[in-house]
C-alpha atoms as a PDB file:
ATOM      1  CA  UNK A   1     -11.686   5.352  -8.645  1.00  0.00           C
ATOM      2  CA  UNK A   2      -8.328   6.694  -8.872  1.00  0.00           C
ATOM      3  CA  UNK A   3      -5.146   5.791  -6.584  1.00  0.00           C
ATOM      4  CA  UNK A   4      -5.795   9.511  -5.402  1.00  0.00           C
ATOM      5  CA  UNK A   5      -9.187   9.926  -4.411  1.00  0.00           C
ATOM      6  CA  UNK A   6      -9.318   6.433  -3.056  1.00  0.00           C
ATOM      7  CA  UNK A   7      -6.288   7.684  -0.522  1.00  0.00           C
ATOM      8  CA  UNK A   8      -7.903  11.270  -0.187  1.00  0.00           C
ATOM      9  CA  UNK A   9     -10.920   9.514   0.808  1.00  0.00           C
ATOM     10  CA  UNK A  10      -9.321   7.192   3.612  1.00  0.00           C
ATOM     11  CA  UNK A  11     -10.034   7.287   6.721  1.00  0.00           C
ATOM     12  CA  UNK A  12      -6.676   5.867   7.684  1.00  0.00           C
ATOM     13  CA  UNK A  13      -3.630   5.384   5.356  1.00  0.00           C
ATOM     14  CA  UNK A  14      -0.801   2.860   6.785  1.00  0.00           C
ATOM     15  CA  UNK A  15       2.441   4.007   5.171  1.00  0.00           C
ATOM     16  CA  UNK A  16       5.371   1.964   4.595  1.00  0.00           C
ATOM     17  CA  UNK A  17       6.267  -1.969   4.449  1.00  0.00           C
ATOM     18  CA  UNK A  18       6.373  -2.723   8.063  1.00  0.00           C
ATOM     19  CA  UNK A  19       3.001  -0.837   8.993  1.00  0.00           C
ATOM     20  CA  UNK A  20       1.205  -2.008   5.978  1.00  0.00           C
ATOM     21  CA  UNK A  21       2.206  -5.424   6.910  1.00  0.00           C
ATOM     22  CA  UNK A  22       1.112  -5.562  10.164  1.00  0.00           C
ATOM     23  CA  UNK A  23      -2.430  -4.003   8.941  1.00  0.00           C
ATOM     24  CA  UNK A  24      -2.936  -7.222   6.569  1.00  0.00           C
ATOM     25  CA  UNK A  25      -1.896  -9.288   9.456  1.00  0.00           C
ATOM     26  CA  UNK A  26      -4.495  -7.715  11.843  1.00  0.00           C
ATOM     27  CA  UNK A  27      -7.401  -7.377   9.058  1.00  0.00           C
ATOM     28  CA  UNK A  28      -7.664  -3.572   9.287  1.00  0.00           C
ATOM     29  CA  UNK A  29      -6.873  -3.026   5.624  1.00  0.00           C
ATOM     30  CA  UNK A  30      -9.009  -3.782   2.545  1.00  0.00           C
ATOM     31  CA  UNK A  31      -6.593  -2.242  -0.367  1.00  0.00           C
ATOM     32  CA  UNK A  32      -3.247  -2.282  -0.666  1.00  0.00           C
ATOM     33  CA  UNK A  33      -0.989  -0.163  -2.939  1.00  0.00           C
ATOM     34  CA  UNK A  34       2.606  -1.278  -4.241  1.00  0.00           C
ATOM     35  CA  UNK A  35       4.925   0.284  -6.256  1.00  0.00           C
ATOM     36  CA  UNK A  36       6.047  -1.167  -9.318  1.00  0.00           C
ATOM     37  CA  UNK A  37       9.580  -0.067  -9.421  1.00  0.00           C
ATOM     38  CA  UNK A  38      10.521  -1.095  -5.350  1.00  0.00           C
ATOM     39  CA  UNK A  39      12.431  -4.009  -4.634  1.00  0.00           C
ATOM     40  CA  UNK A  40      10.842  -7.527  -4.989  1.00  0.00           C
ATOM     41  CA  UNK A  41      11.946  -8.770  -2.121  1.00  0.00           C
ATOM     42  CA  UNK A  42      10.456  -6.018  -0.164  1.00  0.00           C
ATOM     43  CA  UNK A  43       7.087  -6.441  -1.780  1.00  0.00           C
ATOM     44  CA  UNK A  44       7.009 -10.087  -2.775  1.00  0.00           C
ATOM     45  CA  UNK A  45       5.984 -11.126   0.931  1.00  0.00           C
ATOM     46  CA  UNK A  46       3.485  -7.984   1.114  1.00  0.00           C
ATOM     47  CA  UNK A  47       1.505  -9.563  -2.639  1.00  0.00           C
ATOM     48  CA  UNK A  48       1.830 -13.008  -1.180  1.00  0.00           C
ATOM     49  CA  UNK A  49      -0.283 -11.777   2.366  1.00  0.00           C
ATOM     50  CA  UNK A  50      -2.800  -9.851   0.231  1.00  0.00           C
ATOM     51  CA  UNK A  51      -3.455 -13.096  -1.649  1.00  0.00           C
ATOM     52  CA  UNK A  52      -3.786 -15.037   0.769  1.00  0.00           C
ATOM     53  CA  UNK A  53      -6.288 -12.558   2.376  1.00  0.00           C
ATOM     54  CA  UNK A  54      -8.327 -11.902  -0.635  1.00  0.00           C
ATOM     55  CA  UNK A  55      -7.288  -7.809  -0.630  1.00  0.00           C
ATOM     56  CA  UNK A  56      -7.116  -5.488  -3.431  1.00  0.00           C
ATOM     57  CA  UNK A  57      -3.868  -4.756  -4.607  1.00  0.00           C
ATOM     58  CA  UNK A  58      -3.159  -1.300  -6.691  1.00  0.00           C
ATOM     59  CA  UNK A  59       0.149  -0.964  -8.512  1.00  0.00           C
ATOM     60  CA  UNK A  60       1.568   2.538  -8.412  1.00  0.00           C
ATOM     61  CA  UNK A  61       4.491   3.479 -11.225  1.00  0.00           C
ATOM     62  CA  UNK A  62       7.208   4.561  -8.735  1.00  0.00           C
ATOM     63  CA  UNK A  63       7.764   4.883  -4.847  1.00  0.00           C
ATOM     64  CA  UNK A  64       8.436   8.196  -5.233  1.00  0.00           C
ATOM     65  CA  UNK A  65       4.794   8.915  -6.742  1.00  0.00           C
ATOM     66  CA  UNK A  66       3.077   6.832  -3.896  1.00  0.00           C
ATOM     67  CA  UNK A  67       5.180   8.387  -1.234  1.00  0.00           C
ATOM     68  CA  UNK A  68       3.612  11.874  -3.179  1.00  0.00           C
ATOM     69  CA  UNK A  69       0.069  10.163  -3.117  1.00  0.00           C
ATOM     70  CA  UNK A  70       0.325   9.255   0.838  1.00  0.00           C
ATOM     71  CA  UNK A  71       1.496  12.841   1.669  1.00  0.00           C
ATOM     72  CA  UNK A  72       5.078  12.187   2.173  1.00  0.00           C
ATOM     73  CA  UNK A  73       8.558  13.676   0.887  1.00  0.00           C
ATOM     74  CA  UNK A  74      10.035  10.280   0.654  1.00  0.00           C
ATOM     75  CA  UNK A  75       9.052   7.520  -1.776  1.00  0.00           C
ATOM     76  CA  UNK A  76       6.818   4.405  -0.034  1.00  0.00           C
ATOM     77  CA  UNK A  77       7.431   0.726  -1.973  1.00  0.00           C
ATOM     78  CA  UNK A  78       3.972   0.084  -0.202  1.00  0.00           C
ATOM     79  CA  UNK A  79       0.239   1.701   1.624  1.00  0.00           C
ATOM     80  CA  UNK A  80      -2.954   0.432   2.475  1.00  0.00           C
ATOM     81  CA  UNK A  81      -6.170   1.828   3.334  1.00  0.00           C
ATOM     82  CA  UNK A  82      -8.098   1.057   6.554  1.00  0.00           C
ATOM     83  CA  UNK A  83     -11.417  -0.971   6.676  1.00  0.00           C
END
């Protein structure tokens, strides 16, 4: 399924690194999107957390694209879909 379709079908989306991290730690997410062009210092902790918790990761080309797909006018390094 395409990234755009998955985001549209989601009941709740967590946008941004802080919200994504909180959702992962609380066990509220099943899928995390990470922008390839985001700074590694921002995305590495999220990637490690996903690996530890067994959460699927989908890479998106740019922060700008991820932000647009989430319906916001700015870029986003990460986003997640609620379970």
